[in-house]
């Protein structure tokens, strides 16, 4: 190998194995800081297609992912959960910015966008997988959820007793890809037209102050 070839070979190795520059570290740190302050909320309120569609419109919400939680089967399929024998509930996992929308405000949306008084049922959807449940991520969320429940019970929002369970998150897994963005991808489907669309209309009217800016300008 001549000197010129040796020089370029050495330069290549230096570039490959050199530590990241300050600019690169700064970018990485900023990205990490931006993600570190985000929080998660996990709610079961019947069909996760409905919950996903609603919470996607809330300001400060970065993502909503349909999934399964609370059961005893590892990484269940939709078909398994639909039998009602795995112990899972269909849930929406919400990643949100607490500086824009609080966990308490998300709970307000939760209480208003499904019927928390029907045990293991939401409308025509029947089974334990459709139960009303709040899965808390930590003790602070547990406390806030319990306070929110008591407040909602006293408010008279619902005539019948609330049956919502408040439980620690366990055995969560993401639902299959075809469930993601279900309403956005199937707006003309019967379930979306007759169940989700009216729920979104009601939500937008009651919670206009929580809508993302892009929706408020429509």
C-alpha atoms as a PDB file:
ATOM      1  CA  UNK A   1       0.000   0.000   0.000  1.00  0.00           C
ATOM      2  CA  UNK A   2       1.521   3.410  -0.978  1.00  0.00           C
ATOM      3  CA  UNK A   3       1.546   6.440   1.303  1.00  0.00           C
ATOM      4  CA  UNK A   4      -1.454   8.084  -0.373  1.00  0.00           C
ATOM      5  CA  UNK A   5      -3.585   4.966  -0.011  1.00  0.00           C
ATOM      6  CA  UNK A   6      -2.480   4.593   3.600  1.00  0.00           C
ATOM      7  CA  UNK A   7      -3.431   8.224   4.299  1.00  0.00           C
ATOM      8  CA  UNK A   8      -6.965   7.832   2.940  1.00  0.00           C
ATOM      9  CA  UNK A   9      -7.410   4.508   4.731  1.00  0.00           C
ATOM     10  CA  UNK A  10      -6.371   6.131   8.016  1.00  0.00           C
ATOM     11  CA  UNK A  11      -8.645   9.128   7.391  1.00  0.00           C
ATOM     12  CA  UNK A  12     -11.577   6.796   6.685  1.00  0.00           C
ATOM     13  CA  UNK A  13     -11.042   4.946   9.984  1.00  0.00           C
ATOM     14  CA  UNK A  14     -10.814   8.215  11.916  1.00  0.00           C
ATOM     15  CA  UNK A  15     -14.084   9.464  10.439  1.00  0.00           C
ATOM     16  CA  UNK A  16     -15.860   6.182  11.115  1.00  0.00           C
ATOM     17  CA  UNK A  17     -14.778   5.770  14.718  1.00  0.00           C
ATOM     18  CA  UNK A  18     -14.460   9.395  15.786  1.00  0.00           C
ATOM     19  CA  UNK A  19     -16.737  10.507  18.644  1.00  0.00           C
ATOM     20  CA  UNK A  20     -19.786  12.592  17.625  1.00  0.00           C
ATOM     21  CA  UNK A  21     -19.296  16.312  17.209  1.00  0.00           C
ATOM     22  CA  UNK A  22     -20.710  18.838  19.639  1.00  0.00           C
ATOM     23  CA  UNK A  23     -23.416  19.719  17.133  1.00  0.00           C
ATOM     24  CA  UNK A  24     -24.390  16.075  16.804  1.00  0.00           C
ATOM     25  CA  UNK A  25     -24.447  15.637  20.578  1.00  0.00           C
ATOM     26  CA  UNK A  26     -26.504  18.802  20.963  1.00  0.00           C
ATOM     27  CA  UNK A  27     -29.036  17.567  18.409  1.00  0.00           C
ATOM     28  CA  UNK A  28     -29.231  14.198  20.119  1.00  0.00           C
ATOM     29  CA  UNK A  29     -29.624  15.767  23.570  1.00  0.00           C
ATOM     30  CA  UNK A  30     -32.354  18.097  22.352  1.00  0.00           C
ATOM     31  CA  UNK A  31     -34.200  15.191  20.798  1.00  0.00           C
ATOM     32  CA  UNK A  32     -33.871  13.160  23.994  1.00  0.00           C
ATOM     33  CA  UNK A  33     -35.046  16.092  26.120  1.00  0.00           C
ATOM     34  CA  UNK A  34     -38.035  16.589  23.871  1.00  0.00           C
ATOM     35  CA  UNK A  35     -39.088  12.962  24.241  1.00  0.00           C
ATOM     36  CA  UNK A  36     -38.242  12.577  27.917  1.00  0.00           C
ATOM     37  CA  UNK A  37     -40.918  15.010  29.104  1.00  0.00           C
ATOM     38  CA  UNK A  38     -43.692  13.223  27.221  1.00  0.00           C
ATOM     39  CA  UNK A  39     -46.036  10.983  29.202  1.00  0.00           C
ATOM     40  CA  UNK A  40     -48.283   8.000  28.494  1.00  0.00           C
ATOM     41  CA  UNK A  41     -51.924   7.356  29.312  1.00  0.00           C
ATOM     42  CA  UNK A  42     -53.702   4.058  28.659  1.00  0.00           C
ATOM     43  CA  UNK A  43     -57.498   3.935  28.554  1.00  0.00           C
ATOM     44  CA  UNK A  44     -59.995   1.213  27.751  1.00  0.00           C
ATOM     45  CA  UNK A  45     -63.380   2.572  26.692  1.00  0.00           C
ATOM     46  CA  UNK A  46     -64.835  -0.030  24.408  1.00  0.00           C
ATOM     47  CA  UNK A  47     -63.690  -0.382  20.830  1.00  0.00           C
ATOM     48  CA  UNK A  48     -60.201   1.056  20.411  1.00  0.00           C
ATOM     49  CA  UNK A  49     -61.100   2.382  16.976  1.00  0.00           C
ATOM     50  CA  UNK A  50     -63.358   4.936  18.684  1.00  0.00           C
ATOM     51  CA  UNK A  51     -60.868   5.893  21.378  1.00  0.00           C
ATOM     52  CA  UNK A  52     -58.069   6.303  18.860  1.00  0.00           C
ATOM     53  CA  UNK A  53     -60.147   8.603  16.651  1.00  0.00           C
ATOM     54  CA  UNK A  54     -61.157  10.827  19.579  1.00  0.00           C
ATOM     55  CA  UNK A  55     -57.786  11.237  21.265  1.00  0.00           C
ATOM     56  CA  UNK A  56     -55.988  11.844  17.971  1.00  0.00           C
ATOM     57  CA  UNK A  57     -57.819  15.178  17.855  1.00  0.00           C
ATOM     58  CA  UNK A  58     -56.752  16.385  21.307  1.00  0.00           C
ATOM     59  CA  UNK A  59     -54.093  19.094  21.385  1.00  0.00           C
ATOM     60  CA  UNK A  60     -50.821  18.002  22.940  1.00  0.00           C
ATOM     61  CA  UNK A  61     -51.382  14.377  21.972  1.00  0.00           C
ATOM     62  CA  UNK A  62     -48.412  13.146  19.969  1.00  0.00           C
ATOM     63  CA  UNK A  63     -49.635   9.650  19.146  1.00  0.00           C
ATOM     64  CA  UNK A  64     -52.440   7.222  19.855  1.00  0.00           C
ATOM     65  CA  UNK A  65     -51.829   3.507  19.415  1.00  0.00           C
ATOM     66  CA  UNK A  66     -54.521   0.820  19.685  1.00  0.00           C
ATOM     67  CA  UNK A  67     -53.524  -2.151  21.799  1.00  0.00           C
ATOM     68  CA  UNK A  68     -54.416  -4.739  24.410  1.00  0.00           C
ATOM     69  CA  UNK A  69     -53.750  -4.631  28.164  1.00  0.00           C
ATOM     70  CA  UNK A  70     -54.564  -6.339  31.419  1.00  0.00           C
ATOM     71  CA  UNK A  71     -54.735  -9.947  30.268  1.00  0.00           C
ATOM     72  CA  UNK A  72     -52.808 -13.118  30.976  1.00  0.00           C
ATOM     73  CA  UNK A  73     -51.802 -14.087  27.428  1.00  0.00           C
ATOM     74  CA  UNK A  74     -48.533 -12.726  26.048  1.00  0.00           C
ATOM     75  CA  UNK A  75     -48.881 -10.724  22.803  1.00  0.00           C
ATOM     76  CA  UNK A  76     -52.407 -11.866  21.972  1.00  0.00           C
ATOM     77  CA  UNK A  77     -53.979 -11.508  18.554  1.00  0.00           C
ATOM     78  CA  UNK A  78     -57.172  -9.598  17.868  1.00  0.00           C
ATOM     79  CA  UNK A  79     -58.935 -12.891  17.282  1.00  0.00           C
ATOM     80  CA  UNK A  80     -57.837 -14.183  20.692  1.00  0.00           C
ATOM     81  CA  UNK A  81     -58.852 -11.009  22.526  1.00  0.00           C
ATOM     82  CA  UNK A  82     -62.209 -11.015  20.742  1.00  0.00           C
ATOM     83  CA  UNK A  83     -63.120 -14.298  22.418  1.00  0.00           C
ATOM     84  CA  UNK A  84     -63.104 -12.530  25.780  1.00  0.00           C
ATOM     85  CA  UNK A  85     -61.000 -15.313  27.323  1.00  0.00           C
ATOM     86  CA  UNK A  86     -57.547 -13.656  27.447  1.00  0.00           C
ATOM     87  CA  UNK A  87     -58.471 -11.101  30.101  1.00  0.00           C
ATOM     88  CA  UNK A  88     -57.383  -8.185  27.930  1.00  0.00           C
ATOM     89  CA  UNK A  89     -59.192  -4.948  27.282  1.00  0.00           C
ATOM     90  CA  UNK A  90     -58.961  -3.084  24.026  1.00  0.00           C
ATOM     91  CA  UNK A  91     -57.084   0.117  24.871  1.00  0.00           C
ATOM     92  CA  UNK A  92     -55.702   3.301  23.400  1.00  0.00           C
ATOM     93  CA  UNK A  93     -52.170   4.161  24.474  1.00  0.00           C
ATOM     94  CA  UNK A  94     -51.786   7.926  24.329  1.00  0.00           C
ATOM     95  CA  UNK A  95     -48.458   9.735  24.275  1.00  0.00           C
ATOM     96  CA  UNK A  96     -48.980  13.367  25.269  1.00  0.00           C
ATOM     97  CA  UNK A  97     -47.199  16.559  26.192  1.00  0.00           C
ATOM     98  CA  UNK A  98     -48.276  17.482  29.751  1.00  0.00           C
ATOM     99  CA  UNK A  99     -47.273  21.106  29.157  1.00  0.00           C
ATOM    100  CA  UNK A 100     -50.071  21.316  26.569  1.00  0.00           C
ATOM    101  CA  UNK A 101     -52.733  18.938  27.875  1.00  0.00           C
ATOM    102  CA  UNK A 102     -52.855  17.438  31.355  1.00  0.00           C
ATOM    103  CA  UNK A 103     -53.655  13.902  32.424  1.00  0.00           C
ATOM    104  CA  UNK A 104     -56.724  15.288  34.218  1.00  0.00           C
ATOM    105  CA  UNK A 105     -57.972  16.806  30.974  1.00  0.00           C
ATOM    106  CA  UNK A 106     -57.486  13.510  29.136  1.00  0.00           C
ATOM    107  CA  UNK A 107     -59.559  11.846  31.846  1.00  0.00           C
ATOM    108  CA  UNK A 108     -62.308  14.424  31.295  1.00  0.00           C
ATOM    109  CA  UNK A 109     -62.396  13.379  27.653  1.00  0.00           C
ATOM    110  CA  UNK A 110     -62.413   9.745  28.742  1.00  0.00           C
ATOM    111  CA  UNK A 111     -65.501  10.149  30.963  1.00  0.00           C
ATOM    112  CA  UNK A 112     -67.427  12.025  28.284  1.00  0.00           C
ATOM    113  CA  UNK A 113     -66.683   9.880  25.234  1.00  0.00           C
ATOM    114  CA  UNK A 114     -67.953   6.478  26.368  1.00  0.00           C
ATOM    115  CA  UNK A 115     -70.485   5.060  28.812  1.00  0.00           C
ATOM    116  CA  UNK A 116     -68.602   4.109  31.993  1.00  0.00           C
ATOM    117  CA  UNK A 117     -71.752   2.709  33.606  1.00  0.00           C
ATOM    118  CA  UNK A 118     -72.186  -0.409  31.467  1.00  0.00           C
ATOM    119  CA  UNK A 119     -70.212  -3.429  32.632  1.00  0.00           C
ATOM    120  CA  UNK A 120     -68.224  -5.161  29.891  1.00  0.00           C
ATOM    121  CA  UNK A 121     -70.165  -3.403  27.195  1.00  0.00           C
ATOM    122  CA  UNK A 122     -70.237  -0.353  24.951  1.00  0.00           C
ATOM    123  CA  UNK A 123     -73.365  -0.190  22.853  1.00  0.00           C
ATOM    124  CA  UNK A 124     -73.539  -3.261  20.642  1.00  0.00           C
ATOM    125  CA  UNK A 125     -69.985  -4.276  21.563  1.00  0.00           C
ATOM    126  CA  UNK A 126     -70.296  -6.837  24.343  1.00  0.00           C
ATOM    127  CA  UNK A 127     -67.548  -8.664  26.233  1.00  0.00           C
ATOM    128  CA  UNK A 128     -64.895  -8.074  28.895  1.00  0.00           C
ATOM    129  CA  UNK A 129     -62.540  -6.815  26.171  1.00  0.00           C
ATOM    130  CA  UNK A 130     -64.824  -3.762  25.902  1.00  0.00           C
ATOM    131  CA  UNK A 131     -64.758  -2.915  29.613  1.00  0.00           C
ATOM    132  CA  UNK A 132     -64.226   0.589  30.925  1.00  0.00           C
ATOM    133  CA  UNK A 133     -60.786   0.754  32.528  1.00  0.00           C
ATOM    134  CA  UNK A 134     -58.002   3.195  33.336  1.00  0.00           C
ATOM    135  CA  UNK A 135     -54.545   1.631  33.386  1.00  0.00           C
ATOM    136  CA  UNK A 136     -52.235   3.891  35.346  1.00  0.00           C
ATOM    137  CA  UNK A 137     -48.497   4.150  34.665  1.00  0.00           C
ATOM    138  CA  UNK A 138     -47.489   5.279  38.160  1.00  0.00           C
ATOM    139  CA  UNK A 139     -48.849   6.208  41.581  1.00  0.00           C
ATOM    140  CA  UNK A 140     -49.402   9.819  40.581  1.00  0.00           C
ATOM    141  CA  UNK A 141     -51.675   8.761  37.714  1.00  0.00           C
ATOM    142  CA  UNK A 142     -53.501   6.408  40.071  1.00  0.00           C
ATOM    143  CA  UNK A 143     -54.211   9.236  42.496  1.00  0.00           C
ATOM    144  CA  UNK A 144     -55.361  11.588  39.754  1.00  0.00           C
ATOM    145  CA  UNK A 145     -57.600   8.888  38.219  1.00  0.00           C
ATOM    146  CA  UNK A 146     -59.241   8.136  41.566  1.00  0.00           C
ATOM    147  CA  UNK A 147     -59.858  11.837  42.197  1.00  0.00           C
ATOM    148  CA  UNK A 148     -61.263  12.232  38.693  1.00  0.00           C
ATOM    149  CA  UNK A 149     -63.592   9.285  39.221  1.00  0.00           C
ATOM    150  CA  UNK A 150     -64.966  10.734  42.470  1.00  0.00           C
ATOM    151  CA  UNK A 151     -65.428  14.131  40.835  1.00  0.00           C
ATOM    152  CA  UNK A 152     -67.284  12.584  37.909  1.00  0.00           C
ATOM    153  CA  UNK A 153     -69.544  10.565  40.208  1.00  0.00           C
ATOM    154  CA  UNK A 154     -70.490  13.716  42.116  1.00  0.00           C
ATOM    155  CA  UNK A 155     -71.026  15.747  38.953  1.00  0.00           C
ATOM    156  CA  UNK A 156     -74.115  13.824  37.880  1.00  0.00           C
ATOM    157  CA  UNK A 157     -72.710  13.357  34.391  1.00  0.00           C
ATOM    158  CA  UNK A 158     -74.062   9.803  34.445  1.00  0.00           C
ATOM    159  CA  UNK A 159     -77.259   8.724  36.151  1.00  0.00           C
ATOM    160  CA  UNK A 160     -76.168   5.131  36.776  1.00  0.00           C
ATOM    161  CA  UNK A 161     -73.183   4.069  38.928  1.00  0.00           C
ATOM    162  CA  UNK A 162     -69.799   4.152  37.213  1.00  0.00           C
ATOM    163  CA  UNK A 163     -68.188   0.708  36.900  1.00  0.00           C
ATOM    164  CA  UNK A 164     -64.806   1.823  35.539  1.00  0.00           C
ATOM    165  CA  UNK A 165     -61.823  -0.024  37.010  1.00  0.00           C
ATOM    166  CA  UNK A 166     -58.535   1.696  37.866  1.00  0.00           C
ATOM    167  CA  UNK A 167     -55.653  -0.756  37.556  1.00  0.00           C
ATOM    168  CA  UNK A 168     -51.855  -0.753  37.121  1.00  0.00           C
ATOM    169  CA  UNK A 169     -50.766  -1.234  33.540  1.00  0.00           C
ATOM    170  CA  UNK A 170     -49.709  -4.779  32.774  1.00  0.00           C
ATOM    171  CA  UNK A 171     -49.189  -7.036  29.788  1.00  0.00           C
ATOM    172  CA  UNK A 172     -49.642  -4.267  27.226  1.00  0.00           C
ATOM    173  CA  UNK A 173     -49.045  -5.045  23.584  1.00  0.00           C
ATOM    174  CA  UNK A 174     -49.668  -3.089  20.414  1.00  0.00           C
ATOM    175  CA  UNK A 175     -52.539  -4.149  18.179  1.00  0.00           C
ATOM    176  CA  UNK A 176     -52.025  -5.312  14.612  1.00  0.00           C
ATOM    177  CA  UNK A 177     -51.176  -2.704  11.983  1.00  0.00           C
ATOM    178  CA  UNK A 178     -54.560  -2.844  10.297  1.00  0.00           C
ATOM    179  CA  UNK A 179     -56.183  -1.378  13.435  1.00  0.00           C
ATOM    180  CA  UNK A 180     -54.006   1.734  13.357  1.00  0.00           C
ATOM    181  CA  UNK A 181     -55.675   4.942  12.124  1.00  0.00           C
ATOM    182  CA  UNK A 182     -58.758   2.856  11.507  1.00  0.00           C
ATOM    183  CA  UNK A 183     -61.234   5.715  11.300  1.00  0.00           C
ATOM    184  CA  UNK A 184     -58.989   7.811   9.069  1.00  0.00           C
ATOM    185  CA  UNK A 185     -58.543   4.897   6.692  1.00  0.00           C
ATOM    186  CA  UNK A 186     -62.152   3.640   6.687  1.00  0.00           C
ATOM    187  CA  UNK A 187     -64.389   6.676   7.079  1.00  0.00           C
ATOM    188  CA  UNK A 188     -66.991   5.237   4.738  1.00  0.00           C
ATOM    189  CA  UNK A 189     -67.259   1.915   6.576  1.00  0.00           C
ATOM    190  CA  UNK A 190     -70.574   1.366   8.358  1.00  0.00           C
ATOM    191  CA  UNK A 191     -69.081   1.278  11.879  1.00  0.00           C
ATOM    192  CA  UNK A 192     -67.139   4.470  11.258  1.00  0.00           C
ATOM    193  CA  UNK A 193     -70.120   6.278   9.764  1.00  0.00           C
ATOM    194  CA  UNK A 194     -72.725   5.260  12.321  1.00  0.00           C
ATOM    195  CA  UNK A 195     -70.688   4.916  15.534  1.00  0.00           C
ATOM    196  CA  UNK A 196     -67.421   6.839  15.386  1.00  0.00           C
ATOM    197  CA  UNK A 197     -68.467   9.874  13.319  1.00  0.00           C
ATOM    198  CA  UNK A 198     -71.358  10.889  15.648  1.00  0.00           C
ATOM    199  CA  UNK A 199     -69.091  10.409  18.674  1.00  0.00           C
ATOM    200  CA  UNK A 200     -66.461  12.685  17.116  1.00  0.00           C
ATOM    201  CA  UNK A 201     -69.075  15.321  16.333  1.00  0.00           C
ATOM    202  CA  UNK A 202     -70.255  15.333  19.948  1.00  0.00           C
ATOM    203  CA  UNK A 203     -66.690  15.407  21.256  1.00  0.00           C
ATOM    204  CA  UNK A 204     -65.719  18.344  19.037  1.00  0.00           C
ATOM    205  CA  UNK A 205     -68.711  20.329  20.260  1.00  0.00           C
ATOM    206  CA  UNK A 206     -68.118  19.644  23.969  1.00  0.00           C
ATOM    207  CA  UNK A 207     -64.329  19.937  23.912  1.00  0.00           C
ATOM    208  CA  UNK A 208     -63.633  22.596  21.311  1.00  0.00           C
ATOM    209  CA  UNK A 209     -61.072  24.151  23.674  1.00  0.00           C
ATOM    210  CA  UNK A 210     -59.026  20.942  23.606  1.00  0.00           C
ATOM    211  CA  UNK A 211     -58.981  20.451  19.854  1.00  0.00           C
ATOM    212  CA  UNK A 212     -55.766  20.695  17.885  1.00  0.00           C
ATOM    213  CA  UNK A 213     -55.367  24.031  16.117  1.00  0.00           C
ATOM    214  CA  UNK A 214     -55.747  22.442  12.680  1.00  0.00           C
ATOM    215  CA  UNK A 215     -59.246  21.284  13.656  1.00  0.00           C
ATOM    216  CA  UNK A 216     -60.277  24.596  15.213  1.00  0.00           C
ATOM    217  CA  UNK A 217     -59.564  26.362  11.943  1.00  0.00           C
ATOM    218  CA  UNK A 218     -61.710  24.031   9.844  1.00  0.00           C
END
